[in-house]
Amino acid sequence: MCRKLPHLTSLLTLSGLAGPYASVTILGKAGPAMYAIIAFMATTSAFSAQLVAVSTIASYDVYREYFNKTATNVQMMRVNHAGKSCQYSATHKSR
């Protein structure tokens, strides 16, 4: 038996609620929890990618190019990890 789905209004769509609405429609009561998990995973994945990108630029394009042209892999990894730590600290400073 198919249940009748409520109408998705343009106000809900413009408010950014199309995703949560669809998850509730498809998954029922489990929809909000599943949508929250997916949103959290997407956010943490994007933040991780940003950390990797910035630290790679810092190590390869700045450190190896201007400070140590003969840097070993171990030295590059140290700079890479330091770049991640600095960026993480800068984005999570206490207020």
PDB file of N, CA and C in Angstrom:
ATOM      1  N   MET A   1       0.835  -1.182   0.000  1.00  0.00           N
ATOM      2  CA  MET A   1       0.000   0.000   0.000  1.00  0.00           C
ATOM      3  C   MET A   1       0.877   1.240   0.000  1.00  0.00           C
ATOM      4  N   CYS A   2       0.659   2.120  -0.922  1.00  0.00           N
ATOM      5  CA  CYS A   2       1.435   3.349  -1.009  1.00  0.00           C
ATOM      6  C   CYS A   2       0.804   4.415  -0.135  1.00  0.00           C
ATOM      7  N   ARG A   3       1.650   5.111   0.566  1.00  0.00           N
ATOM      8  CA  ARG A   3       1.123   6.223   1.359  1.00  0.00           C
ATOM      9  C   ARG A   3       1.232   7.502   0.552  1.00  0.00           C
ATOM     10  N   LYS A   4       0.348   8.416   0.811  1.00  0.00           N
ATOM     11  CA  LYS A   4       0.341   9.681   0.089  1.00  0.00           C
ATOM     12  C   LYS A   4       1.408  10.594   0.682  1.00  0.00           C
ATOM     13  N   LEU A   5       2.261  11.108  -0.198  1.00  0.00           N
ATOM     14  CA  LEU A   5       3.345  11.970   0.245  1.00  0.00           C
ATOM     15  C   LEU A   5       2.867  13.409   0.320  1.00  0.00           C
ATOM     16  N   PRO A   6       3.250  14.125   1.385  1.00  0.00           N
ATOM     17  CA  PRO A   6       2.897  15.543   1.461  1.00  0.00           C
ATOM     18  C   PRO A   6       3.649  16.344   0.399  1.00  0.00           C
ATOM     19  N   HIS A   7       3.105  17.462   0.053  1.00  0.00           N
ATOM     20  CA  HIS A   7       3.646  18.291  -1.018  1.00  0.00           C
ATOM     21  C   HIS A   7       4.888  19.040  -0.540  1.00  0.00           C
ATOM     22  N   LEU A   8       5.956  19.001  -1.333  1.00  0.00           N
ATOM     23  CA  LEU A   8       7.165  19.767  -1.048  1.00  0.00           C
ATOM     24  C   LEU A   8       6.977  21.163  -1.628  1.00  0.00           C
ATOM     25  N   THR A   9       6.847  22.148  -0.766  1.00  0.00           N
ATOM     26  CA  THR A   9       6.583  23.508  -1.214  1.00  0.00           C
ATOM     27  C   THR A   9       7.870  24.186  -1.655  1.00  0.00           C
ATOM     28  N   SER A  10       7.713  25.264  -2.395  1.00  0.00           N
ATOM     29  CA  SER A  10       8.895  26.017  -2.829  1.00  0.00           C
ATOM     30  C   SER A  10       9.586  26.673  -1.640  1.00  0.00           C
ATOM     31  N   LEU A  11       8.836  27.000  -0.591  1.00  0.00           N
ATOM     32  CA  LEU A  11       9.439  27.575   0.613  1.00  0.00           C
ATOM     33  C   LEU A  11      10.378  26.564   1.272  1.00  0.00           C
ATOM     34  N   LEU A  12       9.961  25.304   1.352  1.00  0.00           N
ATOM     35  CA  LEU A  12      10.838  24.271   1.907  1.00  0.00           C
ATOM     36  C   LEU A  12      12.083  24.087   1.045  1.00  0.00           C
ATOM     37  N   THR A  13      11.899  24.107  -0.253  1.00  0.00           N
ATOM     38  CA  THR A  13      13.029  23.931  -1.163  1.00  0.00           C
ATOM     39  C   THR A  13      13.997  25.095  -1.053  1.00  0.00           C
ATOM     40  N   LEU A  14      13.501  26.317  -1.056  1.00  0.00           N
ATOM     41  CA  LEU A  14      14.359  27.495  -0.963  1.00  0.00           C
ATOM     42  C   LEU A  14      15.032  27.614   0.399  1.00  0.00           C
ATOM     43  N   SER A  15      14.454  27.000   1.411  1.00  0.00           N
ATOM     44  CA  SER A  15      15.049  27.026   2.755  1.00  0.00           C
ATOM     45  C   SER A  15      16.129  25.969   2.927  1.00  0.00           C
ATOM     46  N   GLY A  16      16.376  25.183   1.898  1.00  0.00           N
ATOM     47  CA  GLY A  16      17.402  24.160   1.981  1.00  0.00           C
ATOM     48  C   GLY A  16      16.940  22.886   2.656  1.00  0.00           C
ATOM     49  N   LEU A  17      15.639  22.672   2.696  1.00  0.00           N
ATOM     50  CA  LEU A  17      15.100  21.514   3.401  1.00  0.00           C
ATOM     51  C   LEU A  17      14.656  20.389   2.473  1.00  0.00           C
ATOM     52  N   ALA A  18      15.067  20.434   1.222  1.00  0.00           N
ATOM     53  CA  ALA A  18      14.670  19.369   0.305  1.00  0.00           C
ATOM     54  C   ALA A  18      15.325  18.041   0.692  1.00  0.00           C
ATOM     55  N   GLY A  19      16.582  18.081   1.106  1.00  0.00           N
ATOM     56  CA  GLY A  19      17.277  16.861   1.516  1.00  0.00           C
ATOM     57  C   GLY A  19      16.664  16.207   2.744  1.00  0.00           C
ATOM     58  N   PRO A  20      16.489  16.970   3.839  1.00  0.00           N
ATOM     59  CA  PRO A  20      15.835  16.374   5.007  1.00  0.00           C
ATOM     60  C   PRO A  20      14.412  15.902   4.707  1.00  0.00           C
ATOM     61  N   TYR A  21      13.706  16.650   3.898  1.00  0.00           N
ATOM     62  CA  TYR A  21      12.337  16.266   3.535  1.00  0.00           C
ATOM     63  C   TYR A  21      12.333  14.932   2.797  1.00  0.00           C
ATOM     64  N   ALA A  22      13.257  14.789   1.849  1.00  0.00           N
ATOM     65  CA  ALA A  22      13.335  13.542   1.085  1.00  0.00           C
ATOM     66  C   ALA A  22      13.722  12.379   1.984  1.00  0.00           C
ATOM     67  N   SER A  23      14.643  12.612   2.920  1.00  0.00           N
ATOM     68  CA  SER A  23      15.057  11.516   3.800  1.00  0.00           C
ATOM     69  C   SER A  23      13.915  11.079   4.711  1.00  0.00           C
ATOM     70  N   VAL A  24      13.110  12.007   5.194  1.00  0.00           N
ATOM     71  CA  VAL A  24      11.952  11.643   6.021  1.00  0.00           C
ATOM     72  C   VAL A  24      10.926  10.909   5.177  1.00  0.00           C
ATOM     73  N   THR A  25      10.736  11.363   3.936  1.00  0.00           N
ATOM     74  CA  THR A  25       9.769  10.731   3.047  1.00  0.00           C
ATOM     75  C   THR A  25      10.178   9.299   2.713  1.00  0.00           C
ATOM     76  N   ILE A  26      11.457   9.093   2.462  1.00  0.00           N
ATOM     77  CA  ILE A  26      11.932   7.773   2.052  1.00  0.00           C
ATOM     78  C   ILE A  26      12.139   6.840   3.247  1.00  0.00           C
ATOM     79  N   LEU A  27      12.768   7.350   4.304  1.00  0.00           N
ATOM     80  CA  LEU A  27      13.165   6.494   5.425  1.00  0.00           C
ATOM     81  C   LEU A  27      12.249   6.565   6.642  1.00  0.00           C
ATOM     82  N   GLY A  28      11.308   7.459   6.620  1.00  0.00           N
ATOM     83  CA  GLY A  28      10.399   7.574   7.750  1.00  0.00           C
ATOM     84  C   GLY A  28      11.074   8.204   8.961  1.00  0.00           C
ATOM     85  N   LYS A  29      10.872   7.618  10.139  1.00  0.00           N
ATOM     86  CA  LYS A  29      11.404   8.197  11.373  1.00  0.00           C
ATOM     87  C   LYS A  29      12.926   8.161  11.436  1.00  0.00           C
ATOM     88  N   ALA A  30      13.551   7.256  10.725  1.00  0.00           N
ATOM     89  CA  ALA A  30      15.014   7.176  10.714  1.00  0.00           C
ATOM     90  C   ALA A  30      15.638   8.236   9.804  1.00  0.00           C
ATOM     91  N   GLY A  31      14.836   8.905   8.994  1.00  0.00           N
ATOM     92  CA  GLY A  31      15.339   9.879   8.030  1.00  0.00           C
ATOM     93  C   GLY A  31      16.164  11.005   8.621  1.00  0.00           C
ATOM     94  N   PRO A  32      15.676  11.690   9.672  1.00  0.00           N
ATOM     95  CA  PRO A  32      16.474  12.793  10.223  1.00  0.00           C
ATOM     96  C   PRO A  32      17.835  12.348  10.761  1.00  0.00           C
ATOM     97  N   ALA A  33      17.880  11.207  11.413  1.00  0.00           N
ATOM     98  CA  ALA A  33      19.161  10.714  11.932  1.00  0.00           C
ATOM     99  C   ALA A  33      20.117  10.382  10.793  1.00  0.00           C
ATOM    100  N   MET A  34      19.615   9.729   9.772  1.00  0.00           N
ATOM    101  CA  MET A  34      20.463   9.376   8.636  1.00  0.00           C
ATOM    102  C   MET A  34      20.942  10.628   7.904  1.00  0.00           C
ATOM    103  N   TYR A  35      20.078  11.614   7.774  1.00  0.00           N
ATOM    104  CA  TYR A  35      20.475  12.856   7.105  1.00  0.00           C
ATOM    105  C   TYR A  35      21.539  13.583   7.921  1.00  0.00           C
ATOM    106  N   ALA A  36      21.407  13.596   9.241  1.00  0.00           N
ATOM    107  CA  ALA A  36      22.404  14.235  10.103  1.00  0.00           C
ATOM    108  C   ALA A  36      23.756  13.538   9.976  1.00  0.00           C
ATOM    109  N   ILE A  37      23.743  12.213   9.911  1.00  0.00           N
ATOM    110  CA  ILE A  37      24.989  11.469   9.757  1.00  0.00           C
ATOM    111  C   ILE A  37      25.641  11.794   8.412  1.00  0.00           C
ATOM    112  N   ILE A  38      24.856  11.828   7.357  1.00  0.00           N
ATOM    113  CA  ILE A  38      25.393  12.131   6.026  1.00  0.00           C
ATOM    114  C   ILE A  38      25.952  13.556   5.990  1.00  0.00           C
ATOM    115  N   ALA A  39      25.245  14.514   6.582  1.00  0.00           N
ATOM    116  CA  ALA A  39      25.727  15.897   6.601  1.00  0.00           C
ATOM    117  C   ALA A  39      27.026  16.005   7.394  1.00  0.00           C
ATOM    118  N   PHE A  40      27.117  15.302   8.530  1.00  0.00           N
ATOM    119  CA  PHE A  40      28.340  15.316   9.330  1.00  0.00           C
ATOM    120  C   PHE A  40      29.505  14.712   8.550  1.00  0.00           C
ATOM    121  N   MET A  41      29.264  13.598   7.897  1.00  0.00           N
ATOM    122  CA  MET A  41      30.330  12.943   7.135  1.00  0.00           C
ATOM    123  C   MET A  41      30.798  13.825   5.974  1.00  0.00           C
ATOM    124  N   ALA A  42      29.889  14.491   5.306  1.00  0.00           N
ATOM    125  CA  ALA A  42      30.262  15.367   4.197  1.00  0.00           C
ATOM    126  C   ALA A  42      31.090  16.554   4.692  1.00  0.00           C
ATOM    127  N   THR A  43      30.705  17.106   5.832  1.00  0.00           N
ATOM    128  CA  THR A  43      31.431  18.242   6.397  1.00  0.00           C
ATOM    129  C   THR A  43      32.835  17.846   6.816  1.00  0.00           C
ATOM    130  N   THR A  44      32.969  16.731   7.524  1.00  0.00           N
ATOM    131  CA  THR A  44      34.294  16.305   7.974  1.00  0.00           C
ATOM    132  C   THR A  44      35.170  15.907   6.789  1.00  0.00           C
ATOM    133  N   SER A  45      34.581  15.337   5.757  1.00  0.00           N
ATOM    134  CA  SER A  45      35.347  14.980   4.566  1.00  0.00           C
ATOM    135  C   SER A  45      35.871  16.227   3.867  1.00  0.00           C
ATOM    136  N   ALA A  46      35.048  17.249   3.756  1.00  0.00           N
ATOM    137  CA  ALA A  46      35.474  18.492   3.109  1.00  0.00           C
ATOM    138  C   ALA A  46      36.573  19.173   3.912  1.00  0.00           C
ATOM    139  N   PHE A  47      36.449  19.156   5.237  1.00  0.00           N
ATOM    140  CA  PHE A  47      37.473  19.773   6.086  1.00  0.00           C
ATOM    141  C   PHE A  47      38.788  19.014   5.969  1.00  0.00           C
ATOM    142  N   SER A  48      38.709  17.695   5.933  1.00  0.00           N
ATOM    143  CA  SER A  48      39.915  16.874   5.782  1.00  0.00           C
ATOM    144  C   SER A  48      40.600  17.159   4.453  1.00  0.00           C
ATOM    145  N   ALA A  49      39.837  17.269   3.395  1.00  0.00           N
ATOM    146  CA  ALA A  49      40.407  17.566   2.078  1.00  0.00           C
ATOM    147  C   ALA A  49      41.075  18.934   2.075  1.00  0.00           C
ATOM    148  N   GLN A  50      40.485  19.893   2.769  1.00  0.00           N
ATOM    149  CA  GLN A  50      41.080  21.226   2.847  1.00  0.00           C
ATOM    150  C   GLN A  50      42.405  21.176   3.598  1.00  0.00           C
ATOM    151  N   LEU A  51      42.455  20.443   4.698  1.00  0.00           N
ATOM    152  CA  LEU A  51      43.703  20.310   5.449  1.00  0.00           C
ATOM    153  C   LEU A  51      44.803  19.698   4.593  1.00  0.00           C
ATOM    154  N   VAL A  52      44.474  18.646   3.876  1.00  0.00           N
ATOM    155  CA  VAL A  52      45.468  17.974   3.038  1.00  0.00           C
ATOM    156  C   VAL A  52      45.943  18.899   1.921  1.00  0.00           C
ATOM    157  N   ALA A  53      45.032  19.606   1.291  1.00  0.00           N
ATOM    158  CA  ALA A  53      45.404  20.490   0.186  1.00  0.00           C
ATOM    159  C   ALA A  53      46.327  21.608   0.649  1.00  0.00           C
ATOM    160  N   VAL A  54      45.990  22.262   1.745  1.00  0.00           N
ATOM    161  CA  VAL A  54      46.803  23.381   2.217  1.00  0.00           C
ATOM    162  C   VAL A  54      48.169  22.902   2.690  1.00  0.00           C
ATOM    163  N   SER A  55      48.223  21.783   3.405  1.00  0.00           N
ATOM    164  CA  SER A  55      49.512  21.299   3.886  1.00  0.00           C
ATOM    165  C   SER A  55      50.392  20.816   2.734  1.00  0.00           C
ATOM    166  N   THR A  56      49.792  20.266   1.693  1.00  0.00           N
ATOM    167  CA  THR A  56      50.567  19.853   0.527  1.00  0.00           C
ATOM    168  C   THR A  56      51.144  21.060  -0.197  1.00  0.00           C
ATOM    169  N   ILE A  57      50.357  22.097  -0.331  1.00  0.00           N
ATOM    170  CA  ILE A  57      50.865  23.331  -0.951  1.00  0.00           C
ATOM    171  C   ILE A  57      51.998  23.906  -0.116  1.00  0.00           C
ATOM    172  N   ALA A  58      51.827  23.917   1.209  1.00  0.00           N
ATOM    173  CA  ALA A  58      52.872  24.456   2.086  1.00  0.00           C
ATOM    174  C   ALA A  58      54.159  23.656   1.973  1.00  0.00           C
ATOM    175  N   SER A  59      54.056  22.342   1.921  1.00  0.00           N
ATOM    176  CA  SER A  59      55.268  21.533   1.903  1.00  0.00           C
ATOM    177  C   SER A  59      55.940  21.499   0.537  1.00  0.00           C
ATOM    178  N   TYR A  60      55.192  21.241  -0.518  1.00  0.00           N
ATOM    179  CA  TYR A  60      55.808  21.094  -1.835  1.00  0.00           C
ATOM    180  C   TYR A  60      56.060  22.431  -2.533  1.00  0.00           C
ATOM    181  N   ASP A  61      55.106  23.326  -2.505  1.00  0.00           N
ATOM    182  CA  ASP A  61      55.240  24.560  -3.268  1.00  0.00           C
ATOM    183  C   ASP A  61      55.980  25.663  -2.521  1.00  0.00           C
ATOM    184  N   VAL A  62      55.993  25.614  -1.206  1.00  0.00           N
ATOM    185  CA  VAL A  62      56.680  26.654  -0.446  1.00  0.00           C
ATOM    186  C   VAL A  62      57.979  26.117   0.153  1.00  0.00           C
ATOM    187  N   TYR A  63      57.888  25.081   0.981  1.00  0.00           N
ATOM    188  CA  TYR A  63      59.087  24.589   1.668  1.00  0.00           C
ATOM    189  C   TYR A  63      60.128  24.064   0.690  1.00  0.00           C
ATOM    190  N   ARG A  64      59.738  23.172  -0.208  1.00  0.00           N
ATOM    191  CA  ARG A  64      60.719  22.590  -1.134  1.00  0.00           C
ATOM    192  C   ARG A  64      61.213  23.630  -2.152  1.00  0.00           C
ATOM    193  N   GLU A  65      60.358  24.536  -2.534  1.00  0.00           N
ATOM    194  CA  GLU A  65      60.744  25.515  -3.561  1.00  0.00           C
ATOM    195  C   GLU A  65      61.647  26.614  -3.005  1.00  0.00           C
ATOM    196  N   TYR A  66      61.346  27.118  -1.787  1.00  0.00           N
ATOM    197  CA  TYR A  66      62.054  28.291  -1.283  1.00  0.00           C
ATOM    198  C   TYR A  66      62.995  28.023  -0.112  1.00  0.00           C
ATOM    199  N   PHE A  67      62.793  26.963   0.649  1.00  0.00           N
ATOM    200  CA  PHE A  67      63.593  26.758   1.851  1.00  0.00           C
ATOM    201  C   PHE A  67      64.580  25.609   1.753  1.00  0.00           C
ATOM    202  N   ASN A  68      64.219  24.499   1.132  1.00  0.00           N
ATOM    203  CA  ASN A  68      65.092  23.334   1.105  1.00  0.00           C
ATOM    204  C   ASN A  68      64.832  22.547  -0.182  1.00  0.00           C
ATOM    205  N   LYS A  69      65.561  22.875  -1.214  1.00  0.00           N
ATOM    206  CA  LYS A  69      65.339  22.232  -2.517  1.00  0.00           C
ATOM    207  C   LYS A  69      65.707  20.756  -2.522  1.00  0.00           C
ATOM    208  N   THR A  70      66.535  20.301  -1.582  1.00  0.00           N
ATOM    209  CA  THR A  70      66.947  18.902  -1.515  1.00  0.00           C
ATOM    210  C   THR A  70      66.293  18.187  -0.338  1.00  0.00           C
ATOM    211  N   ALA A  71      65.096  18.583   0.017  1.00  0.00           N
ATOM    212  CA  ALA A  71      64.405  17.991   1.165  1.00  0.00           C
ATOM    213  C   ALA A  71      64.127  16.509   0.928  1.00  0.00           C
ATOM    214  N   THR A  72      64.341  15.707   1.980  1.00  0.00           N
ATOM    215  CA  THR A  72      64.045  14.284   1.904  1.00  0.00           C
ATOM    216  C   THR A  72      62.554  14.050   2.145  1.00  0.00           C
ATOM    217  N   ASN A  73      62.109  12.833   1.917  1.00  0.00           N
ATOM    218  CA  ASN A  73      60.702  12.502   2.159  1.00  0.00           C
ATOM    219  C   ASN A  73      60.334  12.690   3.622  1.00  0.00           C
ATOM    220  N   VAL A  74      61.246  12.339   4.523  1.00  0.00           N
ATOM    221  CA  VAL A  74      60.974  12.501   5.957  1.00  0.00           C
ATOM    222  C   VAL A  74      60.796  13.982   6.292  1.00  0.00           C
ATOM    223  N   GLN A  75      61.660  14.833   5.756  1.00  0.00           N
ATOM    224  CA  GLN A  75      61.532  16.269   6.008  1.00  0.00           C
ATOM    225  C   GLN A  75      60.228  16.814   5.423  1.00  0.00           C
ATOM    226  N   MET A  76      59.873  16.348   4.240  1.00  0.00           N
ATOM    227  CA  MET A  76      58.623  16.813   3.617  1.00  0.00           C
ATOM    228  C   MET A  76      57.410  16.402   4.446  1.00  0.00           C
ATOM    229  N   MET A  77      57.442  15.192   4.978  1.00  0.00           N
ATOM    230  CA  MET A  77      56.317  14.734   5.804  1.00  0.00           C
ATOM    231  C   MET A  77      56.224  15.542   7.098  1.00  0.00           C
ATOM    232  N   ARG A  78      57.365  15.898   7.676  1.00  0.00           N
ATOM    233  CA  ARG A  78      57.344  16.734   8.895  1.00  0.00           C
ATOM    234  C   ARG A  78      56.718  18.086   8.612  1.00  0.00           C
ATOM    235  N   VAL A  79      57.101  18.691   7.500  1.00  0.00           N
ATOM    236  CA  VAL A  79      56.525  19.985   7.125  1.00  0.00           C
ATOM    237  C   VAL A  79      55.041  19.822   6.825  1.00  0.00           C
ATOM    238  N   ASN A  80      54.682  18.739   6.171  1.00  0.00           N
ATOM    239  CA  ASN A  80      53.288  18.470   5.845  1.00  0.00           C
ATOM    240  C   ASN A  80      52.451  18.352   7.120  1.00  0.00           C
ATOM    241  N   HIS A  81      52.950  17.594   8.092  1.00  0.00           N
ATOM    242  CA  HIS A  81      52.224  17.441   9.366  1.00  0.00           C
ATOM    243  C   HIS A  81      52.171  18.754  10.137  1.00  0.00           C
ATOM    244  N   ALA A  82      53.241  19.509  10.102  1.00  0.00           N
ATOM    245  CA  ALA A  82      53.248  20.811  10.777  1.00  0.00           C
ATOM    246  C   ALA A  82      52.232  21.754  10.134  1.00  0.00           C
ATOM    247  N   GLY A  83      52.127  21.692   8.820  1.00  0.00           N
ATOM    248  CA  GLY A  83      51.142  22.529   8.128  1.00  0.00           C
ATOM    249  C   GLY A  83      49.725  22.179   8.532  1.00  0.00           C
ATOM    250  N   LYS A  84      49.433  20.883   8.659  1.00  0.00           N
ATOM    251  CA  LYS A  84      48.101  20.466   9.110  1.00  0.00           C
ATOM    252  C   LYS A  84      47.829  20.940  10.520  1.00  0.00           C
ATOM    253  N   SER A  85      48.818  20.799  11.390  1.00  0.00           N
ATOM    254  CA  SER A  85      48.639  21.210  12.782  1.00  0.00           C
ATOM    255  C   SER A  85      48.405  22.708  12.896  1.00  0.00           C
ATOM    256  N   CYS A  86      49.179  23.492  12.146  1.00  0.00           N
ATOM    257  CA  CYS A  86      49.008  24.946  12.183  1.00  0.00           C
ATOM    258  C   CYS A  86      47.650  25.368  11.645  1.00  0.00           C
ATOM    259  N   GLN A  87      47.237  24.751  10.555  1.00  0.00           N
ATOM    260  CA  GLN A  87      45.944  25.115   9.979  1.00  0.00           C
ATOM    261  C   GLN A  87      44.809  24.717  10.905  1.00  0.00           C
ATOM    262  N   TYR A  88      44.905  23.518  11.508  1.00  0.00           N
ATOM    263  CA  TYR A  88      43.862  23.069  12.429  1.00  0.00           C
ATOM    264  C   TYR A  88      43.789  24.005  13.627  1.00  0.00           C
ATOM    265  N   SER A  89      44.943  24.397  14.149  1.00  0.00           N
ATOM    266  CA  SER A  89      44.970  25.316  15.299  1.00  0.00           C
ATOM    267  C   SER A  89      44.378  26.658  14.934  1.00  0.00           C
ATOM    268  N   ALA A  90      44.672  27.142  13.741  1.00  0.00           N
ATOM    269  CA  ALA A  90      44.170  28.441  13.311  1.00  0.00           C
ATOM    270  C   ALA A  90      42.651  28.432  13.133  1.00  0.00           C
ATOM    271  N   THR A  91      42.102  27.303  12.692  1.00  0.00           N
ATOM    272  CA  THR A  91      40.656  27.269  12.476  1.00  0.00           C
ATOM    273  C   THR A  91      39.881  26.907  13.735  1.00  0.00           C
ATOM    274  N   HIS A  92      40.568  26.430  14.761  1.00  0.00           N
ATOM    275  CA  HIS A  92      39.895  26.046  16.009  1.00  0.00           C
ATOM    276  C   HIS A  92      40.433  26.806  17.220  1.00  0.00           C
ATOM    277  N   LYS A  93      40.776  28.044  17.036  1.00  0.00           N
ATOM    278  CA  LYS A  93      41.287  28.823  18.173  1.00  0.00           C
ATOM    279  C   LYS A  93      40.147  29.111  19.138  1.00  0.00           C
ATOM    280  N   SER A  94      40.483  29.130  20.415  1.00  0.00           N
ATOM    281  CA  SER A  94      39.449  29.368  21.443  1.00  0.00           C
ATOM    282  C   SER A  94      39.078  30.854  21.438  1.00  0.00           C
ATOM    283  N   ARG A  95      37.842  31.099  21.816  1.00  0.00           N
ATOM    284  CA  ARG A  95      37.335  32.484  21.782  1.00  0.00           C
ATOM    285  C   ARG A  95      37.277  33.064  23.158  1.00  0.00           C
TER     286      ARG A  95
END
